């Protein structure tokens, strides 16, 4: 007899209240995440309305998430690839 990939779960073995609590917490966090995503979209729209390039803002946000060494490595690889393609 082959072992199943997932253990059999009997409804009586599941702590229904705990499961429900996890599901409700995740749902609340998903709602908050959607609200924050809307707020971020609004800030980008406001920046665009005042003349800023949103694509450049997004790139700067992405770069600021990385540490200095990671940015340097990424820039070096980009420079190498651009040289290989005759773009610089």
N, C-alpha and C. Protein backbone atom coordinates (compact mmCIF):
# COMPACT_ATOMS: atom_id res chain seq x y z
N UNK A 1 0.86 -1.17 0.00
CA UNK A 1 0.00 0.00 0.00
C UNK A 1 0.91 1.23 0.00
N UNK A 2 0.68 2.17 -0.92
CA UNK A 2 1.50 3.38 -1.04
C UNK A 2 1.05 4.42 -0.04
N UNK A 3 2.03 5.13 0.51
CA UNK A 3 1.71 6.21 1.44
C UNK A 3 1.20 7.41 0.66
N UNK A 4 0.19 8.07 1.20
CA UNK A 4 -0.35 9.25 0.51
C UNK A 4 0.57 10.44 0.76
N UNK A 5 0.54 11.40 -0.16
CA UNK A 5 1.40 12.59 -0.06
C UNK A 5 1.00 13.46 1.12
N UNK A 6 -0.29 13.55 1.39
CA UNK A 6 -0.77 14.37 2.49
C UNK A 6 -1.44 13.46 3.51
N UNK A 7 -1.23 13.74 4.78
CA UNK A 7 -1.87 12.90 5.79
C UNK A 7 -3.38 13.07 5.75
N UNK A 8 -4.07 12.00 6.05
CA UNK A 8 -5.53 12.06 6.08
C UNK A 8 -5.95 12.96 7.24
N UNK A 9 -6.89 13.85 6.98
CA UNK A 9 -7.35 14.77 8.02
C UNK A 9 -8.81 14.47 8.31
N UNK A 10 -9.05 14.12 9.51
CA UNK A 10 -10.41 13.85 9.97
C UNK A 10 -10.99 15.18 10.47
N UNK A 11 -12.22 15.48 10.10
CA UNK A 11 -12.85 16.74 10.48
C UNK A 11 -12.82 16.94 12.00
N UNK A 12 -12.89 15.88 12.75
CA UNK A 12 -12.88 16.01 14.20
C UNK A 12 -11.49 16.33 14.73
N UNK A 13 -10.45 16.10 13.90
CA UNK A 13 -9.09 16.38 14.36
C UNK A 13 -8.68 17.83 14.09
N UNK A 14 -9.46 18.53 13.31
CA UNK A 14 -9.14 19.92 12.98
C UNK A 14 -9.76 20.83 14.03
N UNK A 15 -8.96 21.73 14.54
CA UNK A 15 -9.47 22.70 15.50
C UNK A 15 -10.20 23.78 14.69
N UNK A 16 -11.48 23.61 14.53
CA UNK A 16 -12.28 24.47 13.66
C UNK A 16 -12.16 25.94 14.04
N UNK A 17 -12.18 26.24 15.32
CA UNK A 17 -12.09 27.64 15.75
C UNK A 17 -10.75 28.25 15.37
N UNK A 18 -9.69 27.48 15.54
CA UNK A 18 -8.36 27.98 15.20
C UNK A 18 -8.24 28.18 13.69
N UNK A 19 -8.75 27.23 12.93
CA UNK A 19 -8.73 27.34 11.46
C UNK A 19 -9.50 28.57 11.01
N UNK A 20 -10.68 28.77 11.57
CA UNK A 20 -11.51 29.92 11.23
C UNK A 20 -10.77 31.22 11.57
N UNK A 21 -10.09 31.24 12.70
CA UNK A 21 -9.34 32.42 13.11
C UNK A 21 -8.23 32.74 12.12
N UNK A 22 -7.49 31.72 11.68
CA UNK A 22 -6.44 31.94 10.69
C UNK A 22 -7.02 32.51 9.39
N UNK A 23 -8.10 31.91 8.93
CA UNK A 23 -8.74 32.35 7.68
C UNK A 23 -9.20 33.80 7.80
N UNK A 24 -9.84 34.15 8.90
CA UNK A 24 -10.34 35.52 9.08
C UNK A 24 -9.19 36.53 9.18
N UNK A 25 -8.09 36.15 9.85
CA UNK A 25 -6.93 37.04 9.93
C UNK A 25 -6.34 37.28 8.54
N UNK A 26 -6.21 36.21 7.78
CA UNK A 26 -5.67 36.35 6.42
C UNK A 26 -6.57 37.23 5.57
N UNK A 27 -7.87 37.03 5.68
CA UNK A 27 -8.82 37.86 4.91
C UNK A 27 -8.70 39.33 5.28
N UNK A 28 -8.59 39.63 6.58
CA UNK A 28 -8.43 41.02 7.01
C UNK A 28 -7.14 41.62 6.46
N UNK A 29 -6.06 40.86 6.52
CA UNK A 29 -4.78 41.35 6.01
C UNK A 29 -4.83 41.58 4.50
N UNK A 30 -5.52 40.69 3.79
CA UNK A 30 -5.69 40.88 2.34
C UNK A 30 -6.46 42.16 2.03
N UNK A 31 -7.48 42.45 2.85
CA UNK A 31 -8.24 43.69 2.67
C UNK A 31 -7.35 44.91 2.92
N UNK A 32 -6.54 44.84 3.98
CA UNK A 32 -5.62 45.94 4.28
C UNK A 32 -4.61 46.13 3.15
N UNK A 33 -4.11 45.00 2.62
CA UNK A 33 -3.14 45.05 1.54
C UNK A 33 -3.75 45.72 0.30
N UNK A 34 -5.00 45.38 0.01
CA UNK A 34 -5.68 46.00 -1.13
C UNK A 34 -5.85 47.50 -0.90
N UNK A 35 -6.18 47.88 0.32
CA UNK A 35 -6.31 49.31 0.65
C UNK A 35 -4.99 50.04 0.50
N UNK A 36 -3.91 49.43 0.97
CA UNK A 36 -2.59 50.04 0.84
C UNK A 36 -2.17 50.15 -0.62
N UNK A 37 -2.47 49.13 -1.41
CA UNK A 37 -2.15 49.16 -2.83
C UNK A 37 -2.88 50.32 -3.51
N UNK A 38 -4.11 50.56 -3.11
CA UNK A 38 -4.86 51.70 -3.64
C UNK A 38 -4.24 53.02 -3.24
N UNK A 39 -3.79 53.09 -1.99
CA UNK A 39 -3.13 54.32 -1.50
C UNK A 39 -1.84 54.58 -2.26
N UNK A 40 -1.07 53.54 -2.50
CA UNK A 40 0.18 53.68 -3.25
C UNK A 40 -0.10 54.15 -4.67
N UNK A 41 -1.13 53.58 -5.28
CA UNK A 41 -1.52 53.99 -6.63
C UNK A 41 -1.88 55.47 -6.66
N UNK A 42 -2.58 55.93 -5.63
CA UNK A 42 -2.96 57.33 -5.53
C UNK A 42 -1.74 58.25 -5.42
N UNK A 43 -0.74 57.81 -4.65
CA UNK A 43 0.48 58.62 -4.49
C UNK A 43 1.22 58.71 -5.82
N UNK A 44 1.32 57.60 -6.54
CA UNK A 44 1.95 57.63 -7.86
C UNK A 44 1.19 58.56 -8.80
N UNK A 45 -0.14 58.52 -8.76
CA UNK A 45 -0.95 59.40 -9.61
C UNK A 45 -0.72 60.86 -9.25
N UNK A 46 -0.61 61.14 -7.96
CA UNK A 46 -0.34 62.51 -7.50
C UNK A 46 1.03 62.97 -7.99
N UNK A 47 2.02 62.10 -7.87
CA UNK A 47 3.38 62.43 -8.34
C UNK A 47 3.38 62.69 -9.84
N UNK A 48 2.66 61.85 -10.58
CA UNK A 48 2.56 62.02 -12.03
C UNK A 48 1.89 63.35 -12.36
N UNK A 49 0.87 63.69 -11.59
CA UNK A 49 0.15 64.94 -11.80
C UNK A 49 1.01 66.17 -11.57
N UNK A 50 2.05 66.04 -10.77
CA UNK A 50 2.94 67.17 -10.53
C UNK A 50 4.17 67.14 -11.44
N UNK A 51 4.17 66.18 -12.39
CA UNK A 51 5.22 66.16 -13.40
C UNK A 51 6.33 65.15 -13.22
N UNK A 52 6.25 64.30 -12.20
CA UNK A 52 7.29 63.30 -12.01
C UNK A 52 7.04 62.08 -12.89
N UNK A 53 8.12 61.44 -13.32
CA UNK A 53 8.06 60.24 -14.15
C UNK A 53 7.85 59.04 -13.23
N UNK A 54 6.68 58.43 -13.33
CA UNK A 54 6.31 57.33 -12.43
C UNK A 54 7.22 56.12 -12.63
N UNK A 55 7.59 55.84 -13.86
CA UNK A 55 8.48 54.71 -14.14
C UNK A 55 9.81 54.90 -13.40
N UNK A 56 10.34 56.11 -13.42
CA UNK A 56 11.60 56.40 -12.72
C UNK A 56 11.40 56.28 -11.21
N UNK A 57 10.26 56.75 -10.70
CA UNK A 57 9.99 56.62 -9.26
C UNK A 57 9.95 55.15 -8.84
N UNK A 58 9.30 54.33 -9.64
CA UNK A 58 9.22 52.89 -9.33
C UNK A 58 10.62 52.26 -9.32
N UNK A 59 11.46 52.67 -10.27
CA UNK A 59 12.82 52.14 -10.33
C UNK A 59 13.61 52.55 -9.09
N UNK A 60 13.48 53.80 -8.68
CA UNK A 60 14.18 54.28 -7.48
C UNK A 60 13.71 53.52 -6.25
N UNK A 61 12.41 53.30 -6.13
CA UNK A 61 11.86 52.53 -5.00
C UNK A 61 12.48 51.13 -5.00
N UNK A 62 12.56 50.51 -6.16
CA UNK A 62 13.15 49.18 -6.28
C UNK A 62 14.62 49.18 -5.87
N UNK A 63 15.36 50.19 -6.34
CA UNK A 63 16.79 50.27 -6.01
C UNK A 63 17.02 50.51 -4.52
N UNK A 64 16.17 51.31 -3.90
CA UNK A 64 16.35 51.63 -2.47
C UNK A 64 16.09 50.42 -1.58
N UNK A 65 15.39 49.41 -2.10
CA UNK A 65 15.14 48.19 -1.33
C UNK A 65 16.38 47.31 -1.26
N UNK A 66 17.34 47.54 -2.18
CA UNK A 66 18.53 46.71 -2.25
C UNK A 66 19.68 47.36 -1.50
N UNK A 67 20.60 46.53 -1.01
CA UNK A 67 21.77 47.11 -0.36
C UNK A 67 22.78 47.56 -1.42
N UNK A 68 23.77 48.32 -1.00
CA UNK A 68 24.73 48.94 -1.91
C UNK A 68 25.44 47.88 -2.78
N UNK A 69 25.89 46.80 -2.16
CA UNK A 69 26.62 45.77 -2.90
C UNK A 69 25.74 45.11 -3.96
N UNK A 70 24.50 44.87 -3.62
CA UNK A 70 23.57 44.25 -4.57
C UNK A 70 23.31 45.18 -5.75
N UNK A 71 23.17 46.49 -5.47
CA UNK A 71 22.98 47.47 -6.55
C UNK A 71 24.21 47.53 -7.44
N UNK A 72 25.40 47.53 -6.84
CA UNK A 72 26.63 47.58 -7.63
C UNK A 72 26.75 46.37 -8.54
N UNK A 73 26.45 45.19 -8.01
CA UNK A 73 26.53 43.97 -8.82
C UNK A 73 25.55 44.04 -9.98
N UNK A 74 24.33 44.48 -9.70
CA UNK A 74 23.31 44.59 -10.76
C UNK A 74 23.75 45.58 -11.84
N UNK A 75 24.30 46.71 -11.42
CA UNK A 75 24.75 47.72 -12.37
C UNK A 75 25.93 47.21 -13.20
N UNK A 76 26.85 46.46 -12.58
CA UNK A 76 28.00 45.91 -13.30
C UNK A 76 27.56 44.91 -14.36
N UNK A 77 26.61 44.06 -14.01
CA UNK A 77 26.10 43.08 -14.97
C UNK A 77 25.38 43.78 -16.11
N UNK A 78 24.58 44.77 -15.78
CA UNK A 78 23.87 45.54 -16.80
C UNK A 78 24.87 46.21 -17.75
N UNK A 79 25.91 46.83 -17.20
CA UNK A 79 26.94 47.48 -18.00
C UNK A 79 27.63 46.47 -18.92
N UNK A 80 27.97 45.30 -18.39
CA UNK A 80 28.61 44.25 -19.17
C UNK A 80 27.73 43.81 -20.34
N UNK A 81 26.47 43.58 -20.07
CA UNK A 81 25.53 43.15 -21.12
C UNK A 81 25.36 44.23 -22.18
N UNK A 82 25.27 45.48 -21.73
CA UNK A 82 25.11 46.59 -22.68
C UNK A 82 26.35 46.71 -23.57
N UNK A 83 27.54 46.52 -22.99
CA UNK A 83 28.78 46.54 -23.78
C UNK A 83 28.78 45.43 -24.81
N UNK A 84 28.38 44.24 -24.37
CA UNK A 84 28.33 43.08 -25.27
C UNK A 84 27.39 43.31 -26.44
N UNK A 85 26.37 44.10 -26.23
CA UNK A 85 25.39 44.40 -27.29
C UNK A 85 25.73 45.67 -28.06
N UNK A 86 26.85 46.31 -27.71
CA UNK A 86 27.26 47.53 -28.38
C UNK A 86 26.36 48.72 -28.09
N UNK A 87 25.81 48.75 -26.91
CA UNK A 87 24.88 49.83 -26.56
C UNK A 87 25.56 50.99 -25.84
N UNK A 88 26.84 50.84 -25.49
CA UNK A 88 27.58 51.93 -24.83
C UNK A 88 28.85 52.24 -25.56
